[in-house]
Amino acid sequence: FDPSVLKTDQFEVGLLTHKKGEVWPKHYHAVATEYNVLITGSMTICGEVITPGTIFVLEPNEVADPIFHEDCQVLCVKVPSIKGDKYEVL
């Protein structure tokens, strides 16, 4: 993540900000698992509407398809941190 709170080859931590209606390409990670907490806002991810405090995990090869209903902040921990392990789904 850029910027990252902490980044090593084992994991990285980012506080991500997304604007309401922002288009985020569908993607997946072949190796990494993402552990996420929605801090503020409302969004849909993998068909589920979530609200602040919701924890959601994206396993390897699981497609992330977020829809941001409000401005959102997401705390995300990606394990491991592998450059290039992000693949867009067309």
N, C-alpha and C. Protein backbone atom coordinates (compact mmCIF):
# COMPACT_ATOMS: atom_id res chain seq x y z
N PHE A 1 0.85 -1.17 0.00
CA PHE A 1 0.00 0.00 0.00
C PHE A 1 0.89 1.23 0.00
N ASP A 2 0.41 2.26 -0.59
CA ASP A 2 1.18 3.49 -0.61
C ASP A 2 0.25 4.66 -0.31
N PRO A 3 0.36 5.26 0.83
CA PRO A 3 1.39 5.01 1.84
C PRO A 3 1.04 3.83 2.74
N SER A 4 2.05 3.24 3.31
CA SER A 4 1.88 2.13 4.25
C SER A 4 2.18 2.61 5.66
N VAL A 5 1.45 2.05 6.62
CA VAL A 5 1.78 2.30 8.01
C VAL A 5 3.04 1.52 8.35
N LEU A 6 3.13 0.28 7.83
CA LEU A 6 4.29 -0.58 8.03
C LEU A 6 4.34 -1.56 6.88
N LYS A 7 5.54 -1.77 6.32
CA LYS A 7 5.68 -2.71 5.21
C LYS A 7 6.96 -3.51 5.39
N THR A 8 6.81 -4.83 5.38
CA THR A 8 7.95 -5.74 5.39
C THR A 8 7.67 -6.78 4.31
N ASP A 9 8.56 -7.73 4.11
CA ASP A 9 8.28 -8.79 3.14
C ASP A 9 7.26 -9.78 3.68
N GLN A 10 7.01 -9.74 5.00
CA GLN A 10 6.06 -10.66 5.62
C GLN A 10 4.63 -10.12 5.63
N PHE A 11 4.48 -8.80 5.77
CA PHE A 11 3.14 -8.20 5.78
C PHE A 11 3.26 -6.70 5.55
N GLU A 12 2.10 -6.10 5.23
CA GLU A 12 2.04 -4.65 5.17
C GLU A 12 0.70 -4.19 5.71
N VAL A 13 0.70 -2.98 6.26
CA VAL A 13 -0.49 -2.40 6.87
C VAL A 13 -0.74 -1.05 6.23
N GLY A 14 -1.98 -0.84 5.77
CA GLY A 14 -2.32 0.44 5.18
C GLY A 14 -3.67 0.93 5.68
N LEU A 15 -3.81 2.25 5.77
CA LEU A 15 -5.09 2.87 6.05
C LEU A 15 -5.53 3.49 4.73
N LEU A 16 -6.51 2.85 4.10
CA LEU A 16 -6.92 3.21 2.75
C LEU A 16 -8.16 4.09 2.79
N THR A 17 -8.17 5.14 1.98
CA THR A 17 -9.29 6.05 1.88
C THR A 17 -9.90 5.93 0.50
N HIS A 18 -11.20 5.75 0.44
CA HIS A 18 -11.92 5.62 -0.83
C HIS A 18 -13.11 6.58 -0.80
N LYS A 19 -13.30 7.33 -1.87
CA LYS A 19 -14.41 8.28 -1.98
C LYS A 19 -15.69 7.58 -2.42
N LYS A 20 -16.82 8.12 -2.00
CA LYS A 20 -18.12 7.61 -2.43
C LYS A 20 -18.14 7.52 -3.95
N GLY A 21 -18.56 6.36 -4.47
CA GLY A 21 -18.67 6.17 -5.91
C GLY A 21 -17.37 5.88 -6.62
N GLU A 22 -16.25 5.88 -5.89
CA GLU A 22 -14.95 5.59 -6.50
C GLU A 22 -15.01 4.22 -7.18
N VAL A 23 -14.47 4.15 -8.37
CA VAL A 23 -14.43 2.88 -9.10
C VAL A 23 -13.08 2.24 -8.80
N TRP A 24 -13.14 1.07 -8.18
CA TRP A 24 -11.95 0.31 -7.81
C TRP A 24 -11.98 -0.96 -8.64
N PRO A 25 -10.98 -1.22 -9.45
CA PRO A 25 -11.05 -2.39 -10.32
C PRO A 25 -11.15 -3.70 -9.54
N LYS A 26 -11.99 -4.61 -10.06
CA LYS A 26 -12.05 -5.95 -9.47
C LYS A 26 -10.66 -6.55 -9.57
N HIS A 27 -10.24 -7.20 -8.49
CA HIS A 27 -8.90 -7.78 -8.48
C HIS A 27 -8.82 -8.91 -7.45
N TYR A 28 -7.73 -9.63 -7.53
CA TYR A 28 -7.46 -10.67 -6.54
C TYR A 28 -5.96 -10.76 -6.34
N HIS A 29 -5.58 -11.46 -5.28
CA HIS A 29 -4.18 -11.75 -4.99
C HIS A 29 -4.01 -13.26 -5.07
N ALA A 30 -2.99 -13.71 -5.77
CA ALA A 30 -2.77 -15.15 -5.93
C ALA A 30 -2.20 -15.78 -4.66
N VAL A 31 -1.45 -15.01 -3.89
CA VAL A 31 -0.78 -15.56 -2.71
C VAL A 31 -1.27 -14.91 -1.42
N ALA A 32 -1.42 -13.60 -1.42
CA ALA A 32 -1.69 -12.86 -0.18
C ALA A 32 -3.13 -13.01 0.29
N THR A 33 -3.29 -12.92 1.61
CA THR A 33 -4.58 -12.81 2.26
C THR A 33 -4.68 -11.39 2.80
N GLU A 34 -5.86 -10.76 2.64
CA GLU A 34 -6.08 -9.41 3.17
C GLU A 34 -7.06 -9.49 4.34
N TYR A 35 -6.65 -8.92 5.46
CA TYR A 35 -7.49 -8.80 6.65
C TYR A 35 -7.88 -7.33 6.74
N ASN A 36 -9.17 -7.05 6.72
CA ASN A 36 -9.66 -5.68 6.62
C ASN A 36 -10.66 -5.36 7.72
N VAL A 37 -10.67 -4.07 8.12
CA VAL A 37 -11.69 -3.55 9.02
C VAL A 37 -12.19 -2.25 8.40
N LEU A 38 -13.50 -2.15 8.19
CA LEU A 38 -14.08 -0.90 7.72
C LEU A 38 -14.15 0.04 8.92
N ILE A 39 -13.44 1.16 8.82
CA ILE A 39 -13.37 2.12 9.92
C ILE A 39 -14.53 3.12 9.83
N THR A 40 -14.72 3.70 8.65
CA THR A 40 -15.81 4.65 8.44
C THR A 40 -16.47 4.39 7.10
N GLY A 41 -17.73 4.78 7.00
CA GLY A 41 -18.45 4.68 5.73
C GLY A 41 -19.28 3.42 5.61
N SER A 42 -19.76 3.20 4.40
CA SER A 42 -20.55 2.02 4.07
C SER A 42 -20.13 1.56 2.69
N MET A 43 -20.02 0.25 2.53
CA MET A 43 -19.59 -0.29 1.26
C MET A 43 -20.17 -1.68 1.06
N THR A 44 -20.10 -2.15 -0.17
CA THR A 44 -20.44 -3.53 -0.48
C THR A 44 -19.17 -4.20 -0.96
N ILE A 45 -18.91 -5.39 -0.44
CA ILE A 45 -17.75 -6.18 -0.87
C ILE A 45 -18.19 -7.63 -0.97
N CYS A 46 -17.91 -8.25 -2.10
CA CYS A 46 -18.30 -9.64 -2.33
C CYS A 46 -19.79 -9.86 -2.08
N GLY A 47 -20.60 -8.86 -2.49
CA GLY A 47 -22.05 -8.98 -2.38
C GLY A 47 -22.64 -8.69 -1.02
N GLU A 48 -21.81 -8.31 -0.04
CA GLU A 48 -22.29 -8.05 1.31
C GLU A 48 -22.13 -6.58 1.66
N VAL A 49 -23.21 -5.94 2.11
CA VAL A 49 -23.15 -4.55 2.57
C VAL A 49 -22.55 -4.56 3.97
N ILE A 50 -21.54 -3.73 4.18
CA ILE A 50 -20.89 -3.69 5.49
C ILE A 50 -20.86 -2.26 6.02
N THR A 51 -20.76 -2.16 7.33
CA THR A 51 -20.77 -0.89 8.05
C THR A 51 -19.54 -0.82 8.96
N PRO A 52 -19.26 0.36 9.54
CA PRO A 52 -18.07 0.50 10.37
C PRO A 52 -17.96 -0.57 11.45
N GLY A 53 -16.74 -1.04 11.61
CA GLY A 53 -16.45 -2.08 12.60
C GLY A 53 -16.48 -3.48 12.02
N THR A 54 -16.97 -3.62 10.79
CA THR A 54 -17.04 -4.94 10.17
C THR A 54 -15.64 -5.39 9.74
N ILE A 55 -15.31 -6.61 10.11
CA ILE A 55 -14.06 -7.25 9.69
C ILE A 55 -14.38 -8.14 8.50
N PHE A 56 -13.59 -8.03 7.44
CA PHE A 56 -13.76 -8.94 6.31
C PHE A 56 -12.39 -9.39 5.82
N VAL A 57 -12.35 -10.65 5.41
CA VAL A 57 -11.10 -11.28 4.98
C VAL A 57 -11.23 -11.68 3.52
N LEU A 58 -10.23 -11.35 2.73
CA LEU A 58 -10.17 -11.77 1.33
C LEU A 58 -9.05 -12.79 1.19
N GLU A 59 -9.43 -14.00 0.92
CA GLU A 59 -8.46 -15.10 0.79
C GLU A 59 -7.80 -15.06 -0.59
N PRO A 60 -6.66 -15.75 -0.76
CA PRO A 60 -6.04 -15.81 -2.08
C PRO A 60 -7.05 -16.27 -3.14
N ASN A 61 -6.99 -15.62 -4.28
CA ASN A 61 -7.84 -15.90 -5.46
C ASN A 61 -9.29 -15.47 -5.29
N GLU A 62 -9.66 -14.88 -4.15
CA GLU A 62 -11.01 -14.35 -3.97
C GLU A 62 -11.06 -12.96 -4.59
N VAL A 63 -12.03 -12.73 -5.44
CA VAL A 63 -12.11 -11.46 -6.17
C VAL A 63 -12.72 -10.38 -5.28
N ALA A 64 -12.00 -9.26 -5.17
CA ALA A 64 -12.49 -8.08 -4.46
C ALA A 64 -13.21 -7.20 -5.47
N ASP A 65 -14.46 -6.86 -5.16
CA ASP A 65 -15.29 -6.07 -6.08
C ASP A 65 -16.02 -4.96 -5.31
N PRO A 66 -15.28 -4.04 -4.68
CA PRO A 66 -15.91 -3.09 -3.78
C PRO A 66 -16.78 -2.04 -4.48
N ILE A 67 -17.86 -1.67 -3.79
CA ILE A 67 -18.69 -0.54 -4.17
C ILE A 67 -18.75 0.37 -2.94
N PHE A 68 -18.35 1.62 -3.10
CA PHE A 68 -18.29 2.55 -1.98
C PHE A 68 -19.54 3.42 -1.97
N HIS A 69 -20.43 3.19 -0.99
CA HIS A 69 -21.69 3.92 -0.88
C HIS A 69 -21.49 5.28 -0.22
N GLU A 70 -20.43 5.40 0.57
CA GLU A 70 -20.06 6.64 1.26
C GLU A 70 -18.54 6.72 1.21
N ASP A 71 -17.99 7.86 1.59
CA ASP A 71 -16.54 7.93 1.77
C ASP A 71 -16.17 6.89 2.83
N CYS A 72 -15.12 6.13 2.57
CA CYS A 72 -14.74 5.02 3.45
C CYS A 72 -13.26 5.08 3.83
N GLN A 73 -12.97 4.62 5.02
CA GLN A 73 -11.60 4.32 5.43
C GLN A 73 -11.56 2.85 5.82
N VAL A 74 -10.56 2.15 5.29
CA VAL A 74 -10.39 0.73 5.54
C VAL A 74 -8.98 0.49 6.06
N LEU A 75 -8.88 -0.19 7.19
CA LEU A 75 -7.58 -0.63 7.70
C LEU A 75 -7.35 -2.01 7.10
N CYS A 76 -6.24 -2.16 6.38
CA CYS A 76 -5.97 -3.41 5.67
C CYS A 76 -4.59 -3.94 6.03
N VAL A 77 -4.54 -5.22 6.35
CA VAL A 77 -3.28 -5.92 6.60
C VAL A 77 -3.17 -7.01 5.55
N LYS A 78 -2.11 -6.96 4.75
CA LYS A 78 -1.91 -7.95 3.69
C LYS A 78 -0.73 -8.84 4.06
N VAL A 79 -0.97 -10.16 4.04
CA VAL A 79 0.02 -11.15 4.46
C VAL A 79 0.15 -12.22 3.39
N PRO A 80 1.33 -12.49 2.84
CA PRO A 80 2.55 -11.70 2.94
C PRO A 80 2.49 -10.52 1.98
N SER A 81 3.48 -9.65 2.09
CA SER A 81 3.58 -8.49 1.21
C SER A 81 4.45 -8.88 0.01
N ILE A 82 3.80 -9.11 -1.12
CA ILE A 82 4.51 -9.53 -2.32
C ILE A 82 4.23 -8.53 -3.44
N LYS A 83 5.25 -7.83 -3.87
CA LYS A 83 5.08 -6.86 -4.95
C LYS A 83 4.63 -7.60 -6.21
N GLY A 84 3.61 -7.05 -6.86
CA GLY A 84 3.11 -7.65 -8.10
C GLY A 84 2.05 -8.72 -7.92
N ASP A 85 1.68 -9.02 -6.66
CA ASP A 85 0.65 -10.05 -6.41
C ASP A 85 -0.74 -9.42 -6.39
N LYS A 86 -1.07 -8.71 -7.46
CA LYS A 86 -2.39 -8.11 -7.62
C LYS A 86 -2.77 -8.26 -9.09
N TYR A 87 -3.90 -8.89 -9.32
CA TYR A 87 -4.33 -9.21 -10.69
C TYR A 87 -5.73 -8.67 -10.93
N GLU A 88 -5.88 -7.80 -11.91
CA GLU A 88 -7.19 -7.25 -12.23
C GLU A 88 -8.02 -8.27 -12.99
N VAL A 89 -9.33 -8.26 -12.71
CA VAL A 89 -10.29 -9.12 -13.38
C VAL A 89 -11.04 -8.25 -14.39
N LEU A 90 -10.99 -8.61 -15.63
CA LEU A 90 -11.66 -7.79 -16.66
C LEU A 90 -13.09 -8.20 -16.86
